[in-house]
Amino acid sequence: MILAQQLMDYALIIAFVVVGLCQCMAMARLLIGPGPGDRILALDTMVVNAIGLIVLMGLSQGTRIYFEASLIIAMLGFVSTVAYARFILRGDIIE
C-alpha cells in the first residue's frame, strides 16, 4: 500500500513538471507566434494546460472542488477562444 502511494506521489510530481513545461512552451508560442492564429491556439493550449494543472492539484490534495472549478474554466476558455477568434477574423464578436 505504501509503495502504491509513493508511486502516485512520483507520478503527480512528474505530471506537474510536464504540464508546467507545456504551459511555458505555450506561453513562448504566444509571445513569438508569427500570426494571430498561432496566438489564439497558444491561448487555448494555455487554458487546457491550466485545467490540467487544476485537476492535478485536485488529485494531489484529494478534494473535489478543483474538478468543479476546472469545468467552469473549461467552459469559459472555450467561449473566450471562440470570441477571440471571431474578433480576429471578422473585427466584431456580435453580428
Protein backbone atom coordinates (compact mmCIF):
# COMPACT_ATOMS: atom_id res chain seq x y z
CA MET A 1 0.00 0.00 0.00
CA ILE A 2 2.83 2.37 0.83
CA LEU A 3 4.53 1.58 -2.48
CA ALA A 4 1.37 2.48 -4.40
CA GLN A 5 1.14 5.81 -2.57
CA GLN A 6 4.79 6.58 -3.33
CA LEU A 7 4.27 5.75 -6.99
CA MET A 8 1.24 8.04 -7.09
CA ASP A 9 3.26 10.85 -5.50
CA TYR A 10 6.06 10.43 -8.04
CA ALA A 11 3.57 10.30 -10.91
CA LEU A 12 1.92 13.51 -9.70
CA ILE A 13 5.28 15.29 -9.42
CA ILE A 14 6.25 14.22 -12.92
CA ALA A 15 2.83 15.28 -14.26
CA PHE A 16 3.12 18.70 -12.60
CA VAL A 17 6.56 19.22 -14.15
CA VAL A 18 5.47 18.11 -17.62
CA VAL A 19 2.28 20.18 -17.69
CA GLY A 20 4.15 23.18 -16.29
CA LEU A 21 6.76 22.81 -19.03
CA CYS A 22 3.99 22.61 -21.63
CA GLN A 23 2.48 25.77 -20.17
CA CYS A 24 5.82 27.57 -20.55
CA MET A 25 6.16 26.41 -24.16
CA ALA A 26 2.65 27.61 -24.96
CA MET A 27 3.48 30.97 -23.41
CA ALA A 28 6.58 31.19 -25.61
CA ARG A 29 4.40 30.49 -28.67
CA LEU A 30 2.02 33.19 -27.51
CA LEU A 31 4.85 35.72 -27.32
CA ILE A 32 6.71 34.83 -30.54
CA GLY A 33 3.84 33.47 -32.63
CA PRO A 34 4.09 34.76 -36.19
CA GLY A 35 0.37 35.26 -36.69
CA PRO A 36 -2.86 35.77 -34.80
CA GLY A 37 -3.95 32.18 -35.44
CA ASP A 38 -0.90 30.89 -33.63
CA ARG A 39 -1.60 33.19 -30.71
CA ILE A 40 -5.21 32.03 -30.49
CA LEU A 41 -4.11 28.39 -30.45
CA ALA A 42 -1.46 29.19 -27.82
CA LEU A 43 -4.09 30.80 -25.58
CA ASP A 44 -6.38 27.81 -26.00
CA THR A 45 -3.49 25.47 -25.20
CA MET A 46 -2.71 27.51 -22.11
CA VAL A 47 -6.33 27.15 -20.96
CA VAL A 48 -6.15 23.38 -21.43
CA ASN A 49 -2.85 23.23 -19.55
CA ALA A 50 -4.29 25.34 -16.73
CA ILE A 51 -7.21 22.92 -16.50
CA GLY A 52 -4.72 20.05 -16.32
CA LEU A 53 -2.83 21.75 -13.50
CA ILE A 54 -6.04 22.34 -11.58
CA VAL A 55 -7.08 18.71 -11.97
CA LEU A 56 -3.64 17.59 -10.82
CA MET A 57 -3.96 19.86 -7.80
CA GLY A 58 -7.29 18.23 -7.00
CA LEU A 59 -5.73 14.79 -7.28
CA SER A 60 -2.82 15.69 -5.06
CA GLN A 61 -4.98 17.27 -2.34
CA GLY A 62 -7.83 14.79 -2.63
CA THR A 63 -10.65 17.34 -2.86
CA ARG A 64 -13.48 17.60 -5.37
CA ILE A 65 -13.79 21.38 -5.57
CA TYR A 66 -10.91 21.61 -8.04
CA PHE A 67 -12.75 19.40 -10.52
CA GLU A 68 -15.76 21.68 -10.47
CA ALA A 69 -13.53 24.71 -10.91
CA SER A 70 -11.84 23.04 -13.88
CA LEU A 71 -15.23 22.51 -15.55
CA ILE A 72 -16.10 26.19 -15.16
CA ILE A 73 -12.72 27.25 -16.52
CA ALA A 74 -13.14 24.86 -19.47
CA MET A 75 -16.46 26.44 -20.41
CA LEU A 76 -15.11 29.96 -20.07
CA GLY A 77 -11.98 29.05 -22.02
CA PHE A 78 -13.99 27.64 -24.91
CA VAL A 79 -16.24 30.68 -25.13
CA SER A 80 -13.32 33.10 -24.90
CA THR A 81 -11.38 31.24 -27.60
CA VAL A 82 -14.34 31.36 -29.97
CA ALA A 83 -14.97 35.03 -29.22
CA TYR A 84 -11.32 35.97 -29.73
CA ALA A 85 -11.13 34.02 -33.00
CA ARG A 86 -14.28 35.72 -34.30
CA PHE A 87 -12.89 39.10 -33.32
CA ILE A 88 -9.61 38.47 -35.13
CA LEU A 89 -11.29 37.10 -38.26
CA ARG A 90 -14.28 39.46 -38.60
CA GLY A 91 -13.48 42.50 -36.47
CA ASP A 92 -16.56 42.12 -34.27
CA ILE A 93 -17.93 39.49 -31.94
CA ILE A 94 -21.67 40.09 -32.20
CA GLU A 95 -23.17 40.48 -35.65
